[in-house]
């Protein structure tokens, strides 16, 4: 039996998805952010840094390439 009191908080009411709290620290500006684009290798980039470096991170605006490992990641706009 699951003890829901020890489970992570709900991401939003009615969505039914569980989300753990996460600290985002941009690998570019090194500031803690409420959101970062992330790669499984650990690279994180905030929206401001992504916008500033957009020309070098993507060629089509649909996917971006991690500069650390070369993994192709989606923006979630497919």
Protein backbone atom coordinates (compact mmCIF):
# COMPACT_ATOMS: atom_id res chain seq x y z
CA UNK A 1 0.00 0.00 0.00
CA UNK A 2 1.34 3.45 -0.92
CA UNK A 3 1.57 6.17 1.68
CA UNK A 4 0.55 9.31 -0.22
CA UNK A 5 1.71 11.53 2.63
CA UNK A 6 5.34 10.83 1.70
CA UNK A 7 4.80 11.13 -2.06
CA UNK A 8 5.82 14.25 -4.02
CA UNK A 9 3.35 17.08 -4.37
CA UNK A 10 0.87 17.18 -7.23
CA UNK A 11 2.07 19.15 -10.24
CA UNK A 12 -1.34 20.74 -10.63
CA UNK A 13 -4.88 20.14 -9.52
CA UNK A 14 -6.73 17.63 -11.63
CA UNK A 15 -3.74 16.66 -13.77
CA UNK A 16 -2.97 13.45 -11.90
CA UNK A 17 0.77 13.71 -12.51
CA UNK A 18 3.34 13.61 -9.73
CA UNK A 19 6.36 15.86 -9.91
CA UNK A 20 9.33 15.96 -7.57
CA UNK A 21 10.73 19.29 -6.51
CA UNK A 22 13.80 20.19 -8.51
CA UNK A 23 16.50 22.80 -8.31
CA UNK A 24 17.51 24.17 -11.69
CA UNK A 25 20.94 25.77 -11.99
CA UNK A 26 21.82 27.10 -15.43
CA UNK A 27 25.12 25.67 -16.69
CA UNK A 28 25.72 28.88 -18.65
CA UNK A 29 25.00 31.72 -16.18
CA UNK A 30 25.24 29.47 -13.08
CA UNK A 31 22.18 31.09 -11.45
CA UNK A 32 19.36 29.15 -9.80
CA UNK A 33 16.26 29.35 -12.01
CA UNK A 34 12.59 28.33 -11.74
CA UNK A 35 12.96 26.48 -15.09
CA UNK A 36 15.79 25.26 -17.31
CA UNK A 37 15.93 23.23 -20.50
CA UNK A 38 17.69 20.04 -19.42
CA UNK A 39 19.66 17.19 -20.94
CA UNK A 40 20.08 13.73 -19.36
CA UNK A 41 23.85 14.37 -19.19
CA UNK A 42 23.21 17.10 -16.59
CA UNK A 43 23.50 20.20 -18.78
CA UNK A 44 20.88 22.85 -17.95
CA UNK A 45 20.20 26.17 -19.67
CA UNK A 46 17.72 28.85 -18.60
CA UNK A 47 15.34 30.56 -20.99
CA UNK A 48 17.37 33.80 -21.06
CA UNK A 49 20.61 31.98 -21.93
CA UNK A 50 18.81 29.78 -24.47
CA UNK A 51 17.42 32.89 -26.19
CA UNK A 52 20.86 34.52 -26.20
CA UNK A 53 22.53 31.37 -27.61
CA UNK A 54 19.62 30.21 -29.78
CA UNK A 55 21.56 30.69 -33.01
CA UNK A 56 24.14 28.10 -31.92
CA UNK A 57 21.83 25.65 -30.18
CA UNK A 58 19.27 25.00 -32.93
CA UNK A 59 18.94 25.25 -36.67
CA UNK A 60 15.16 24.77 -36.96
CA UNK A 61 13.58 25.99 -33.70
CA UNK A 62 12.08 22.53 -33.04
CA UNK A 63 15.08 20.80 -31.44
CA UNK A 64 18.25 21.94 -29.69
CA UNK A 65 21.64 20.25 -29.40
CA UNK A 66 23.31 19.87 -26.02
CA UNK A 67 26.77 21.48 -26.23
CA UNK A 68 28.18 19.05 -23.63
CA UNK A 69 27.21 15.66 -25.10
CA UNK A 70 25.72 16.42 -28.52
CA UNK A 71 22.30 14.90 -27.64
CA UNK A 72 19.43 16.30 -29.71
CA UNK A 73 16.60 17.47 -27.43
CA UNK A 74 13.12 18.71 -28.26
CA UNK A 75 11.62 22.00 -27.16
CA UNK A 76 8.29 20.24 -26.59
CA UNK A 77 6.63 22.08 -29.47
CA UNK A 78 6.23 19.14 -31.83
